[in-house]
């Protein structure tokens, strides 16, 4: 279950934060659930993930951290791994490969 927080708390509490647009990393983060979210007068702003020493903020507005590099490239690779056309790998193997890809992304970000 994720908890409600503020952008200020994330800014003060995380050391390595990156921001990713809404749904720009949905396949890359398929194995993880957000730990927190923020909202304001217009509703939900963004979700927060803690993955491999990286705080990932993904959403619409007010996100904390620098823009992530190469996220589209990694998302494209994750999408290809999880696609229905990839019939040689089982469900578990696909998710293991995406997790390895996410770890690589977090190390270079």
N, C-alpha and C. Protein backbone atom coordinates (compact mmCIF):
# COMPACT_ATOMS: atom_id res chain seq x y z
N UNK A 1 0.83 -1.18 0.00
CA UNK A 1 0.00 0.00 0.00
C UNK A 1 0.88 1.24 0.00
N UNK A 2 0.56 2.17 -0.86
CA UNK A 2 1.36 3.39 -0.93
C UNK A 2 0.76 4.45 -0.02
N UNK A 3 1.61 5.34 0.44
CA UNK A 3 1.16 6.41 1.33
C UNK A 3 1.26 7.76 0.65
N UNK A 4 0.51 8.70 1.14
CA UNK A 4 0.52 10.05 0.59
C UNK A 4 1.68 10.83 1.19
N UNK A 5 2.36 11.58 0.36
CA UNK A 5 3.49 12.38 0.81
C UNK A 5 3.50 13.69 0.04
N UNK A 6 4.53 14.47 0.24
CA UNK A 6 4.66 15.74 -0.46
C UNK A 6 5.96 15.74 -1.27
N UNK A 7 6.00 16.59 -2.26
CA UNK A 7 7.21 16.72 -3.08
C UNK A 7 8.37 17.22 -2.23
N UNK A 8 8.08 18.08 -1.26
CA UNK A 8 9.12 18.60 -0.37
C UNK A 8 9.75 17.48 0.45
N UNK A 9 8.93 16.56 0.94
CA UNK A 9 9.45 15.43 1.72
C UNK A 9 10.33 14.54 0.85
N UNK A 10 9.96 14.33 -0.38
CA UNK A 10 10.77 13.51 -1.28
C UNK A 10 12.07 14.23 -1.61
N UNK A 11 11.99 15.51 -1.87
CA UNK A 11 13.18 16.31 -2.18
C UNK A 11 14.17 16.26 -1.02
N UNK A 12 13.67 16.36 0.21
CA UNK A 12 14.53 16.36 1.39
C UNK A 12 14.99 14.96 1.79
N UNK A 13 14.22 13.93 1.46
CA UNK A 13 14.51 12.59 1.93
C UNK A 13 15.22 11.68 0.96
N UNK A 14 15.32 12.06 -0.29
CA UNK A 14 15.99 11.18 -1.26
C UNK A 14 17.27 11.84 -1.77
N UNK A 15 18.25 11.00 -2.05
CA UNK A 15 19.53 11.53 -2.50
C UNK A 15 19.71 11.44 -4.01
N UNK A 16 19.02 10.51 -4.64
CA UNK A 16 19.21 10.28 -6.07
C UNK A 16 17.85 10.18 -6.74
N UNK A 17 17.21 11.30 -7.00
CA UNK A 17 15.85 11.30 -7.57
C UNK A 17 15.89 11.63 -9.05
N UNK A 18 15.07 10.90 -9.82
CA UNK A 18 14.89 11.18 -11.24
C UNK A 18 13.40 11.24 -11.54
N UNK A 19 13.05 12.00 -12.56
CA UNK A 19 11.64 12.11 -12.96
C UNK A 19 11.44 11.52 -14.34
N UNK A 20 10.32 10.83 -14.49
CA UNK A 20 9.94 10.18 -15.74
C UNK A 20 8.48 10.52 -15.99
N UNK A 21 8.13 10.85 -17.21
CA UNK A 21 6.76 11.19 -17.56
C UNK A 21 5.79 10.04 -17.33
N UNK A 22 4.52 10.38 -17.26
CA UNK A 22 3.46 9.41 -17.02
C UNK A 22 3.48 8.32 -18.09
N UNK A 23 3.49 7.08 -17.68
CA UNK A 23 3.49 5.88 -18.54
C UNK A 23 4.73 5.76 -19.42
N UNK A 24 5.77 6.54 -19.18
CA UNK A 24 6.98 6.42 -19.98
C UNK A 24 7.86 5.26 -19.53
N UNK A 25 7.53 4.65 -18.38
CA UNK A 25 8.32 3.51 -17.89
C UNK A 25 7.41 2.41 -17.35
N UNK A 26 6.22 2.27 -17.91
CA UNK A 26 5.27 1.30 -17.37
C UNK A 26 5.74 -0.14 -17.53
N UNK A 27 6.39 -0.48 -18.62
CA UNK A 27 6.91 -1.83 -18.79
C UNK A 27 8.18 -2.06 -17.99
N UNK A 28 8.98 -1.04 -17.86
CA UNK A 28 10.22 -1.13 -17.10
C UNK A 28 9.96 -1.34 -15.61
N UNK A 29 8.89 -0.75 -15.09
CA UNK A 29 8.55 -0.85 -13.67
C UNK A 29 7.47 -1.89 -13.38
N UNK A 30 7.26 -2.82 -14.29
CA UNK A 30 6.16 -3.78 -14.15
C UNK A 30 6.28 -4.65 -12.89
N UNK A 31 7.47 -4.90 -12.40
CA UNK A 31 7.68 -5.75 -11.23
C UNK A 31 7.57 -5.01 -9.90
N UNK A 32 7.37 -3.71 -9.93
CA UNK A 32 7.40 -2.90 -8.71
C UNK A 32 6.11 -2.12 -8.51
N UNK A 33 5.79 -1.88 -7.25
CA UNK A 33 4.65 -1.05 -6.88
C UNK A 33 5.17 0.25 -6.30
N UNK A 34 4.46 1.36 -6.50
CA UNK A 34 4.91 2.62 -5.92
C UNK A 34 4.81 2.58 -4.40
N UNK A 35 5.74 3.28 -3.75
CA UNK A 35 5.72 3.33 -2.29
C UNK A 35 4.94 4.54 -1.79
N UNK A 36 4.82 5.56 -2.65
CA UNK A 36 4.15 6.79 -2.23
C UNK A 36 3.56 7.50 -3.44
N UNK A 37 2.72 8.48 -3.16
CA UNK A 37 2.15 9.32 -4.21
C UNK A 37 1.97 10.72 -3.67
N UNK A 38 1.86 11.67 -4.58
CA UNK A 38 1.54 13.04 -4.19
C UNK A 38 0.29 13.49 -4.92
N UNK A 39 -0.42 14.40 -4.33
CA UNK A 39 -1.59 14.97 -4.98
C UNK A 39 -1.76 16.40 -4.51
N UNK A 40 -2.51 17.16 -5.27
CA UNK A 40 -2.74 18.56 -4.98
C UNK A 40 -4.16 18.94 -5.30
N UNK A 41 -4.38 20.21 -5.55
CA UNK A 41 -5.74 20.67 -5.79
C UNK A 41 -6.33 20.15 -7.09
N UNK A 42 -5.48 19.74 -8.03
CA UNK A 42 -5.95 19.19 -9.30
C UNK A 42 -5.99 17.67 -9.30
N UNK A 43 -5.73 17.03 -8.18
CA UNK A 43 -5.74 15.58 -8.08
C UNK A 43 -4.34 15.00 -8.02
N UNK A 44 -4.22 13.76 -8.48
CA UNK A 44 -2.97 13.02 -8.41
C UNK A 44 -1.88 13.71 -9.24
N UNK A 45 -0.67 13.79 -8.65
CA UNK A 45 0.46 14.39 -9.36
C UNK A 45 1.45 13.35 -9.87
N UNK A 46 2.00 12.55 -8.96
CA UNK A 46 2.96 11.52 -9.38
C UNK A 46 3.12 10.44 -8.33
N UNK A 47 3.63 9.28 -8.78
CA UNK A 47 3.95 8.16 -7.91
C UNK A 47 5.45 8.13 -7.66
N UNK A 48 5.84 7.51 -6.56
CA UNK A 48 7.25 7.42 -6.17
C UNK A 48 7.63 5.95 -6.02
N UNK A 49 8.72 5.56 -6.66
CA UNK A 49 9.27 4.22 -6.57
C UNK A 49 10.67 4.31 -5.99
N UNK A 50 11.04 3.37 -5.14
CA UNK A 50 12.42 3.24 -4.65
C UNK A 50 12.98 1.96 -5.25
N UNK A 51 13.92 2.09 -6.18
CA UNK A 51 14.45 0.94 -6.90
C UNK A 51 15.97 1.06 -7.02
N UNK A 52 16.68 0.09 -6.47
CA UNK A 52 18.14 0.02 -6.60
C UNK A 52 18.84 1.34 -6.29
N UNK A 53 18.47 1.96 -5.19
CA UNK A 53 19.11 3.19 -4.76
C UNK A 53 18.68 4.43 -5.52
N UNK A 54 17.66 4.31 -6.32
CA UNK A 54 17.17 5.42 -7.13
C UNK A 54 15.72 5.71 -6.75
N UNK A 55 15.40 6.97 -6.57
CA UNK A 55 14.03 7.38 -6.32
C UNK A 55 13.45 7.83 -7.65
N UNK A 56 12.47 7.08 -8.16
CA UNK A 56 11.87 7.36 -9.45
C UNK A 56 10.51 8.00 -9.24
N UNK A 57 10.33 9.20 -9.77
CA UNK A 57 9.05 9.89 -9.72
C UNK A 57 8.44 9.86 -11.12
N UNK A 58 7.26 9.31 -11.23
CA UNK A 58 6.62 9.20 -12.53
C UNK A 58 5.18 9.68 -12.44
N UNK A 59 4.85 10.65 -13.29
CA UNK A 59 3.50 11.20 -13.25
C UNK A 59 3.34 12.39 -14.17
N UNK A 60 2.43 13.29 -13.75
CA UNK A 60 2.06 14.43 -14.59
C UNK A 60 2.78 15.73 -14.25
N UNK A 61 2.73 16.12 -12.99
CA UNK A 61 3.23 17.46 -12.64
C UNK A 61 3.92 17.46 -11.27
N UNK A 62 4.81 18.41 -11.10
CA UNK A 62 5.47 18.62 -9.83
C UNK A 62 6.48 17.57 -9.44
N UNK A 63 6.99 16.81 -10.42
CA UNK A 63 7.89 15.72 -10.10
C UNK A 63 9.24 16.25 -9.61
N UNK A 64 9.86 15.45 -8.77
CA UNK A 64 11.12 15.81 -8.12
C UNK A 64 12.27 15.13 -8.84
N UNK A 65 13.40 15.81 -8.95
CA UNK A 65 14.61 15.21 -9.50
C UNK A 65 14.87 15.61 -10.94
N UNK A 66 16.02 15.20 -11.40
CA UNK A 66 16.42 15.50 -12.78
C UNK A 66 15.70 14.55 -13.74
N UNK A 67 15.64 14.92 -14.99
CA UNK A 67 15.01 14.06 -15.99
C UNK A 67 15.89 12.83 -16.25
N UNK A 68 15.27 11.69 -16.32
CA UNK A 68 16.00 10.44 -16.55
C UNK A 68 16.50 10.38 -17.98
N UNK A 69 17.69 9.83 -18.15
CA UNK A 69 18.28 9.69 -19.48
C UNK A 69 17.96 8.32 -20.06
N UNK A 70 17.79 8.25 -21.34
CA UNK A 70 17.61 7.00 -22.09
C UNK A 70 16.40 6.19 -21.65
N UNK A 71 15.41 6.82 -21.03
CA UNK A 71 14.26 6.05 -20.55
C UNK A 71 13.46 5.45 -21.71
N UNK A 72 13.37 6.14 -22.82
CA UNK A 72 12.62 5.60 -23.96
C UNK A 72 13.30 4.38 -24.55
N UNK A 73 14.61 4.39 -24.59
CA UNK A 73 15.35 3.23 -25.10
C UNK A 73 15.11 2.01 -24.21
N UNK A 74 15.22 2.20 -22.90
CA UNK A 74 15.01 1.09 -21.98
C UNK A 74 13.55 0.63 -21.97
N UNK A 75 12.63 1.54 -22.08
CA UNK A 75 11.21 1.18 -22.14
C UNK A 75 10.91 0.39 -23.41
N UNK A 76 11.53 0.76 -24.51
CA UNK A 76 11.34 0.02 -25.76
C UNK A 76 11.87 -1.40 -25.63
N UNK A 77 13.02 -1.57 -24.99
CA UNK A 77 13.59 -2.90 -24.77
C UNK A 77 12.70 -3.73 -23.85
N UNK A 78 12.18 -3.12 -22.79
CA UNK A 78 11.30 -3.83 -21.86
C UNK A 78 10.01 -4.24 -22.55
N UNK A 79 9.49 -3.37 -23.39
CA UNK A 79 8.27 -3.68 -24.14
C UNK A 79 8.48 -4.86 -25.08
N UNK A 80 9.65 -4.91 -25.72
CA UNK A 80 9.96 -6.03 -26.62
C UNK A 80 10.08 -7.34 -25.85
N UNK A 81 10.65 -7.28 -24.66
CA UNK A 81 10.79 -8.49 -23.84
C UNK A 81 9.42 -9.00 -23.42
N UNK A 82 8.52 -8.11 -23.01
CA UNK A 82 7.21 -8.51 -22.50
C UNK A 82 6.16 -8.76 -23.57
N UNK A 83 6.48 -8.50 -24.82
CA UNK A 83 5.47 -8.59 -25.88
C UNK A 83 4.98 -10.02 -26.09
N UNK A 84 3.80 -10.13 -26.67
CA UNK A 84 3.21 -11.43 -26.98
C UNK A 84 4.00 -12.15 -28.06
N UNK A 85 4.68 -11.41 -28.90
CA UNK A 85 5.47 -12.02 -29.97
C UNK A 85 6.67 -12.79 -29.43
N UNK A 86 7.11 -12.44 -28.23
CA UNK A 86 8.23 -13.13 -27.59
C UNK A 86 7.70 -14.39 -26.92
N UNK A 87 7.59 -15.47 -27.68
CA UNK A 87 7.01 -16.71 -27.17
C UNK A 87 8.06 -17.70 -26.67
N UNK A 88 9.32 -17.36 -26.86
CA UNK A 88 10.38 -18.28 -26.44
C UNK A 88 10.62 -18.24 -24.94
N UNK A 89 10.25 -17.14 -24.27
CA UNK A 89 10.47 -16.99 -22.83
C UNK A 89 9.18 -17.17 -22.06
N UNK A 90 9.28 -17.77 -20.88
CA UNK A 90 8.12 -17.90 -20.01
C UNK A 90 7.87 -16.57 -19.30
N UNK A 91 6.74 -16.49 -18.61
CA UNK A 91 6.36 -15.29 -17.86
C UNK A 91 7.45 -14.91 -16.86
N UNK A 92 7.94 -15.90 -16.12
CA UNK A 92 8.95 -15.64 -15.10
C UNK A 92 10.26 -15.15 -15.72
N UNK A 93 10.66 -15.75 -16.81
CA UNK A 93 11.90 -15.36 -17.48
C UNK A 93 11.79 -13.94 -18.02
N UNK A 94 10.65 -13.62 -18.59
CA UNK A 94 10.43 -12.25 -19.09
C UNK A 94 10.59 -11.23 -17.98
N UNK A 95 9.99 -11.51 -16.82
CA UNK A 95 10.07 -10.57 -15.71
C UNK A 95 11.48 -10.49 -15.12
N UNK A 96 12.21 -11.59 -15.15
CA UNK A 96 13.60 -11.56 -14.71
C UNK A 96 14.45 -10.70 -15.65
N UNK A 97 14.21 -10.82 -16.94
CA UNK A 97 14.95 -10.01 -17.92
C UNK A 97 14.63 -8.53 -17.77
N UNK A 98 13.36 -8.20 -17.54
CA UNK A 98 12.97 -6.80 -17.35
C UNK A 98 13.60 -6.26 -16.07
N UNK A 99 13.67 -7.08 -15.03
CA UNK A 99 14.29 -6.65 -13.77
C UNK A 99 15.78 -6.36 -13.97
N UNK A 100 16.46 -7.20 -14.74
CA UNK A 100 17.87 -6.95 -15.05
C UNK A 100 18.04 -5.67 -15.86
N UNK A 101 17.11 -5.42 -16.77
CA UNK A 101 17.13 -4.19 -17.56
C UNK A 101 16.90 -2.96 -16.68
N UNK A 102 15.99 -3.08 -15.71
CA UNK A 102 15.72 -1.98 -14.78
C UNK A 102 16.96 -1.70 -13.92
N UNK A 103 17.63 -2.74 -13.49
CA UNK A 103 18.85 -2.56 -12.69
C UNK A 103 19.91 -1.82 -13.50
N UNK A 104 20.06 -2.21 -14.75
CA UNK A 104 21.01 -1.53 -15.65
C UNK A 104 20.63 -0.06 -15.82
N UNK A 105 19.33 0.21 -16.01
CA UNK A 105 18.86 1.59 -16.14
C UNK A 105 19.19 2.41 -14.89
N UNK A 106 18.94 1.83 -13.73
CA UNK A 106 19.18 2.55 -12.47
C UNK A 106 20.67 2.83 -12.24
N UNK A 107 21.53 1.92 -12.69
CA UNK A 107 22.97 2.13 -12.54
C UNK A 107 23.47 3.26 -13.43
N UNK A 108 22.92 3.40 -14.63
CA UNK A 108 23.40 4.44 -15.54
C UNK A 108 22.73 5.78 -15.29
N UNK A 109 21.57 5.77 -14.62
CA UNK A 109 20.83 7.03 -14.35
C UNK A 109 21.47 7.73 -13.24
